[in-house]
């Protein structure tokens, strides 16, 4: 079984708080979206290279239901995802 390490401080991390404000979501929801995306990447793209994934697939993998392009752009802006 694959796993990822998660630290308790993540919910209070500056990057997560800024992403939360830009998405207009509570930090706990953003944390859930990030973990869902990380889990999908771990299961389907072990290298972590998501360059072949569309914005829509990234958002769907994260469980995000808003504007997909905006979601990916904000992940990149806050350095949760490379460009």
Protein backbone atom coordinates (compact mmCIF):
# COMPACT_ATOMS: atom_id res chain seq x y z
CA UNK A 1 0.00 0.00 0.00
CA UNK A 2 1.35 3.41 -0.97
CA UNK A 3 1.38 6.27 1.51
CA UNK A 4 2.43 9.90 1.82
CA UNK A 5 3.78 11.75 4.82
CA UNK A 6 1.58 14.56 6.14
CA UNK A 7 2.54 16.98 8.88
CA UNK A 8 0.12 18.59 11.33
CA UNK A 9 1.47 22.06 10.54
CA UNK A 10 0.26 21.82 6.92
CA UNK A 11 -3.20 23.21 7.74
CA UNK A 12 -1.52 26.39 9.01
CA UNK A 13 1.14 26.66 6.29
CA UNK A 14 1.39 30.07 4.62
CA UNK A 15 1.04 28.61 1.11
CA UNK A 16 -2.10 26.72 2.07
CA UNK A 17 -3.61 29.78 3.75
CA UNK A 18 -2.93 31.95 0.67
CA UNK A 19 -4.39 29.32 -1.67
CA UNK A 20 -7.40 29.05 0.61
CA UNK A 21 -8.03 32.80 0.35
CA UNK A 22 -7.65 32.81 -3.43
CA UNK A 23 -10.04 29.87 -3.82
CA UNK A 24 -12.42 31.34 -1.22
CA UNK A 25 -12.47 28.01 0.61
CA UNK A 26 -11.82 27.03 4.20
CA UNK A 27 -8.25 25.77 4.74
CA UNK A 28 -9.52 22.34 5.78
CA UNK A 29 -11.22 21.95 2.38
CA UNK A 30 -8.07 23.04 0.52
CA UNK A 31 -6.09 20.53 2.58
CA UNK A 32 -8.51 17.83 1.47
CA UNK A 33 -8.18 18.82 -2.19
CA UNK A 34 -4.38 18.74 -1.94
CA UNK A 35 -4.37 15.34 -0.28
CA UNK A 36 -6.79 13.92 -2.86
CA UNK A 37 -4.53 15.18 -5.65
CA UNK A 38 -1.41 13.79 -3.98
CA UNK A 39 -3.09 10.41 -3.51
CA UNK A 40 -4.14 10.30 -7.17
CA UNK A 41 -0.63 11.23 -8.29
CA UNK A 42 0.88 8.59 -6.02
CA UNK A 43 -1.44 5.92 -7.44
CA UNK A 44 -1.30 6.94 -11.10
CA UNK A 45 1.85 8.99 -11.67
CA UNK A 46 4.50 7.83 -9.23
CA UNK A 47 7.12 10.17 -10.70
CA UNK A 48 4.96 13.15 -9.71
CA UNK A 49 5.11 14.50 -13.27
CA UNK A 50 1.57 15.67 -14.01
CA UNK A 51 2.48 17.48 -17.24
CA UNK A 52 0.45 14.96 -19.25
CA UNK A 53 -2.66 15.57 -17.10
CA UNK A 54 -5.22 18.11 -18.29
CA UNK A 55 -6.39 20.88 -15.99
CA UNK A 56 -9.77 19.17 -15.84
CA UNK A 57 -8.22 15.86 -14.78
CA UNK A 58 -6.07 17.55 -12.13
CA UNK A 59 -9.11 19.29 -10.67
CA UNK A 60 -11.20 16.11 -10.85
CA UNK A 61 -8.42 14.12 -9.15
CA UNK A 62 -8.36 16.75 -6.40
CA UNK A 63 -12.13 16.58 -5.99
CA UNK A 64 -12.40 20.26 -6.93
CA UNK A 65 -15.69 21.25 -8.58
CA UNK A 66 -14.98 24.90 -9.47
CA UNK A 67 -13.24 26.44 -12.48
CA UNK A 68 -10.57 23.91 -13.40
CA UNK A 69 -8.15 26.25 -15.18
CA UNK A 70 -8.28 28.72 -12.29
CA UNK A 71 -7.66 25.91 -9.79
CA UNK A 72 -4.54 24.71 -11.61
CA UNK A 73 -3.32 28.29 -12.13
CA UNK A 74 -3.65 28.94 -8.38
CA UNK A 75 -1.87 25.69 -7.52
CA UNK A 76 0.98 26.90 -9.71
CA UNK A 77 0.87 30.45 -8.34
CA UNK A 78 1.23 29.18 -4.78
CA UNK A 79 3.87 26.61 -5.82
CA UNK A 80 1.87 23.48 -5.01
CA UNK A 81 2.24 22.46 -8.66
CA UNK A 82 4.99 23.16 -11.16
CA UNK A 83 4.12 25.03 -14.34
